[in-house]
Amino acid sequence: MNMKFQDGLLFTSIQISFRGSTKVIENIVIDTGAAETIISPDAVEDIGIFAELEDSVNSFYGVGGSPHNFFSKNVGKVNLGEVSL
Protein backbone atom coordinates (compact mmCIF):
# COMPACT_ATOMS: atom_id res chain seq x y z
CA MET A 1 0.00 0.00 0.00
CA ASN A 2 1.43 3.35 -1.02
CA MET A 3 0.91 6.23 1.38
CA LYS A 4 1.85 9.88 1.27
CA PHE A 5 2.05 12.40 4.08
CA GLN A 6 0.59 15.76 3.14
CA ASP A 7 -0.74 18.67 5.20
CA GLY A 8 -0.41 16.60 8.38
CA LEU A 9 -2.54 13.73 7.03
CA LEU A 10 -1.85 10.28 5.56
CA PHE A 11 -3.33 9.57 2.11
CA THR A 12 -3.62 6.45 -0.02
CA SER A 13 -5.75 5.14 -2.88
CA ILE A 14 -8.26 2.29 -2.89
CA GLN A 15 -9.81 0.16 -5.59
CA ILE A 16 -13.49 -0.60 -5.06
CA SER A 17 -15.58 -3.17 -6.97
CA PHE A 18 -19.37 -3.17 -7.13
CA ARG A 19 -21.68 -5.27 -9.33
CA GLY A 20 -19.02 -5.87 -11.97
CA SER A 21 -17.62 -2.33 -12.09
CA THR A 22 -14.31 -1.25 -10.59
CA LYS A 23 -12.88 2.16 -9.77
CA VAL A 24 -9.70 3.50 -8.18
CA ILE A 25 -10.31 6.37 -5.77
CA GLU A 26 -7.26 8.53 -5.16
CA ASN A 27 -6.39 10.62 -2.11
CA ILE A 28 -8.31 8.70 0.55
CA VAL A 29 -7.46 10.01 4.03
CA ILE A 30 -6.29 7.31 6.44
CA ASP A 31 -8.04 8.28 9.69
CA THR A 32 -6.80 5.92 12.38
CA GLY A 33 -9.21 7.41 14.92
CA ALA A 34 -12.37 6.97 12.85
CA ALA A 35 -14.91 4.29 13.73
CA GLU A 36 -16.26 4.13 10.16
CA THR A 37 -15.00 4.71 6.65
CA ILE A 38 -17.10 7.19 4.69
CA ILE A 39 -16.73 7.61 0.92
CA SER A 40 -18.54 10.46 -0.79
CA PRO A 41 -21.41 9.24 -3.00
CA ASP A 42 -20.07 11.58 -5.71
CA ALA A 43 -16.88 9.49 -5.86
CA VAL A 44 -18.68 6.21 -6.59
CA GLU A 45 -21.96 6.97 -8.34
CA ASP A 46 -20.34 6.31 -11.74
CA ILE A 47 -19.96 2.61 -10.80
CA GLY A 48 -23.57 2.36 -9.62
CA ILE A 49 -23.20 3.01 -5.91
CA PHE A 50 -26.06 5.19 -4.72
CA ALA A 51 -28.69 5.05 -1.97
CA GLU A 52 -31.45 2.50 -2.52
CA LEU A 53 -34.56 1.75 -0.44
CA GLU A 54 -33.04 -1.35 1.20
CA ASP A 55 -29.91 0.52 2.41
CA SER A 56 -29.67 1.58 6.04
CA VAL A 57 -29.27 5.28 6.73
CA ASN A 58 -27.22 6.44 9.72
CA SER A 59 -25.68 9.65 11.03
CA PHE A 60 -22.23 10.77 12.10
CA TYR A 61 -20.92 13.98 13.59
CA GLY A 62 -18.18 15.81 11.77
CA VAL A 63 -15.60 18.28 12.94
CA GLY A 64 -17.34 20.91 15.03
CA GLY A 65 -20.20 18.57 15.90
CA SER A 66 -22.28 19.03 12.75
CA PRO A 67 -24.48 15.99 11.93
CA HIS A 68 -24.31 14.26 8.52
CA ASN A 69 -26.35 11.36 7.13
CA PHE A 70 -24.90 8.46 5.17
CA PHE A 71 -26.13 5.20 3.66
CA SER A 72 -24.45 1.83 4.12
CA LYS A 73 -23.69 -0.41 1.15
CA ASN A 74 -22.01 -3.81 0.88
CA VAL A 75 -19.56 -3.84 -2.02
CA GLY A 76 -17.89 -6.74 -3.78
CA LYS A 77 -14.31 -5.91 -2.88
CA VAL A 78 -12.04 -3.14 -1.64
CA ASN A 79 -8.31 -3.32 -2.37
CA LEU A 80 -5.66 -1.37 -0.49
CA GLY A 81 -2.51 -2.20 -2.40
CA GLU A 82 -2.12 -5.98 -2.21
CA VAL A 83 -4.70 -6.36 0.58
CA SER A 84 -8.29 -7.28 -0.37
CA LEU A 85 -11.12 -6.59 2.05
C-alpha atoms as a PDB file:
ATOM      1  CA  MET A   1       0.000   0.000   0.000  1.00  0.00           C
ATOM      2  CA  ASN A   2       1.433   3.347  -1.023  1.00  0.00           C
ATOM      3  CA  MET A   3       0.907   6.234   1.380  1.00  0.00           C
ATOM      4  CA  LYS A   4       1.855   9.878   1.267  1.00  0.00           C
ATOM      5  CA  PHE A   5       2.049  12.400   4.084  1.00  0.00           C
ATOM      6  CA  GLN A   6       0.588  15.760   3.136  1.00  0.00           C
ATOM      7  CA  ASP A   7      -0.739  18.669   5.205  1.00  0.00           C
ATOM      8  CA  GLY A   8      -0.412  16.603   8.379  1.00  0.00           C
ATOM      9  CA  LEU A   9      -2.545  13.730   7.027  1.00  0.00           C
ATOM     10  CA  LEU A  10      -1.854  10.282   5.556  1.00  0.00           C
ATOM     11  CA  PHE A  11      -3.326   9.574   2.108  1.00  0.00           C
ATOM     12  CA  THR A  12      -3.618   6.446  -0.015  1.00  0.00           C
ATOM     13  CA  SER A  13      -5.754   5.140  -2.884  1.00  0.00           C
ATOM     14  CA  ILE A  14      -8.258   2.288  -2.891  1.00  0.00           C
ATOM     15  CA  GLN A  15      -9.808   0.158  -5.589  1.00  0.00           C
ATOM     16  CA  ILE A  16     -13.491  -0.599  -5.060  1.00  0.00           C
ATOM     17  CA  SER A  17     -15.578  -3.171  -6.972  1.00  0.00           C
ATOM     18  CA  PHE A  18     -19.365  -3.174  -7.125  1.00  0.00           C
ATOM     19  CA  ARG A  19     -21.677  -5.269  -9.328  1.00  0.00           C
ATOM     20  CA  GLY A  20     -19.017  -5.873 -11.973  1.00  0.00           C
ATOM     21  CA  SER A  21     -17.622  -2.327 -12.090  1.00  0.00           C
ATOM     22  CA  THR A  22     -14.314  -1.252 -10.586  1.00  0.00           C
ATOM     23  CA  LYS A  23     -12.882   2.160  -9.766  1.00  0.00           C
ATOM     24  CA  VAL A  24      -9.700   3.502  -8.183  1.00  0.00           C
ATOM     25  CA  ILE A  25     -10.310   6.371  -5.773  1.00  0.00           C
ATOM     26  CA  GLU A  26      -7.256   8.533  -5.159  1.00  0.00           C
ATOM     27  CA  ASN A  27      -6.388  10.619  -2.113  1.00  0.00           C
ATOM     28  CA  ILE A  28      -8.313   8.705   0.553  1.00  0.00           C
ATOM     29  CA  VAL A  29      -7.463  10.015   4.035  1.00  0.00           C
ATOM     30  CA  ILE A  30      -6.294   7.310   6.442  1.00  0.00           C
ATOM     31  CA  ASP A  31      -8.038   8.285   9.688  1.00  0.00           C
ATOM     32  CA  THR A  32      -6.804   5.923  12.384  1.00  0.00           C
ATOM     33  CA  GLY A  33      -9.210   7.407  14.922  1.00  0.00           C
ATOM     34  CA  ALA A  34     -12.369   6.967  12.853  1.00  0.00           C
ATOM     35  CA  ALA A  35     -14.906   4.287  13.734  1.00  0.00           C
ATOM     36  CA  GLU A  36     -16.261   4.132  10.164  1.00  0.00           C
ATOM     37  CA  THR A  37     -15.001   4.712   6.647  1.00  0.00           C
ATOM     38  CA  ILE A  38     -17.099   7.192   4.691  1.00  0.00           C
ATOM     39  CA  ILE A  39     -16.735   7.611   0.924  1.00  0.00           C
ATOM     40  CA  SER A  40     -18.539  10.463  -0.786  1.00  0.00           C
ATOM     41  CA  PRO A  41     -21.406   9.243  -3.002  1.00  0.00           C
ATOM     42  CA  ASP A  42     -20.070  11.581  -5.706  1.00  0.00           C
ATOM     43  CA  ALA A  43     -16.880   9.495  -5.860  1.00  0.00           C
ATOM     44  CA  VAL A  44     -18.675   6.205  -6.594  1.00  0.00           C
ATOM     45  CA  GLU A  45     -21.963   6.975  -8.344  1.00  0.00           C
ATOM     46  CA  ASP A  46     -20.344   6.313 -11.741  1.00  0.00           C
ATOM     47  CA  ILE A  47     -19.962   2.612 -10.796  1.00  0.00           C
ATOM     48  CA  GLY A  48     -23.571   2.358  -9.620  1.00  0.00           C
ATOM     49  CA  ILE A  49     -23.196   3.010  -5.907  1.00  0.00           C
ATOM     50  CA  PHE A  50     -26.061   5.191  -4.717  1.00  0.00           C
ATOM     51  CA  ALA A  51     -28.694   5.054  -1.973  1.00  0.00           C
ATOM     52  CA  GLU A  52     -31.448   2.500  -2.518  1.00  0.00           C
ATOM     53  CA  LEU A  53     -34.559   1.750  -0.441  1.00  0.00           C
ATOM     54  CA  GLU A  54     -33.036  -1.346   1.202  1.00  0.00           C
ATOM     55  CA  ASP A  55     -29.911   0.515   2.408  1.00  0.00           C
ATOM     56  CA  SER A  56     -29.671   1.575   6.038  1.00  0.00           C
ATOM     57  CA  VAL A  57     -29.271   5.284   6.729  1.00  0.00           C
ATOM     58  CA  ASN A  58     -27.217   6.442   9.715  1.00  0.00           C
ATOM     59  CA  SER A  59     -25.684   9.652  11.033  1.00  0.00           C
ATOM     60  CA  PHE A  60     -22.233  10.770  12.101  1.00  0.00           C
ATOM     61  CA  TYR A  61     -20.917  13.976  13.595  1.00  0.00           C
ATOM     62  CA  GLY A  62     -18.179  15.813  11.772  1.00  0.00           C
ATOM     63  CA  VAL A  63     -15.597  18.283  12.939  1.00  0.00           C
ATOM     64  CA  GLY A  64     -17.339  20.913  15.030  1.00  0.00           C
ATOM     65  CA  GLY A  65     -20.205  18.570  15.897  1.00  0.00           C
ATOM     66  CA  SER A  66     -22.276  19.033  12.748  1.00  0.00           C
ATOM     67  CA  PRO A  67     -24.483  15.990  11.929  1.00  0.00           C
ATOM     68  CA  HIS A  68     -24.313  14.265   8.517  1.00  0.00           C
ATOM     69  CA  ASN A  69     -26.353  11.360   7.128  1.00  0.00           C
ATOM     70  CA  PHE A  70     -24.900   8.460   5.168  1.00  0.00           C
ATOM     71  CA  PHE A  71     -26.129   5.201   3.661  1.00  0.00           C
ATOM     72  CA  SER A  72     -24.450   1.827   4.123  1.00  0.00           C
ATOM     73  CA  LYS A  73     -23.695  -0.413   1.153  1.00  0.00           C
ATOM     74  CA  ASN A  74     -22.006  -3.808   0.876  1.00  0.00           C
ATOM     75  CA  VAL A  75     -19.562  -3.842  -2.021  1.00  0.00           C
ATOM     76  CA  GLY A  76     -17.890  -6.735  -3.783  1.00  0.00           C
ATOM     77  CA  LYS A  77     -14.309  -5.909  -2.876  1.00  0.00           C
ATOM     78  CA  VAL A  78     -12.041  -3.138  -1.635  1.00  0.00           C
ATOM     79  CA  ASN A  79      -8.311  -3.316  -2.372  1.00  0.00           C
ATOM     80  CA  LEU A  80      -5.656  -1.371  -0.488  1.00  0.00           C
ATOM     81  CA  GLY A  81      -2.511  -2.195  -2.398  1.00  0.00           C
ATOM     82  CA  GLU A  82      -2.119  -5.976  -2.212  1.00  0.00           C
ATOM     83  CA  VAL A  83      -4.697  -6.363   0.580  1.00  0.00           C
ATOM     84  CA  SER A  84      -8.288  -7.278  -0.365  1.00  0.00           C
ATOM     85  CA  LEU A  85     -11.121  -6.587   2.046  1.00  0.00           C
END
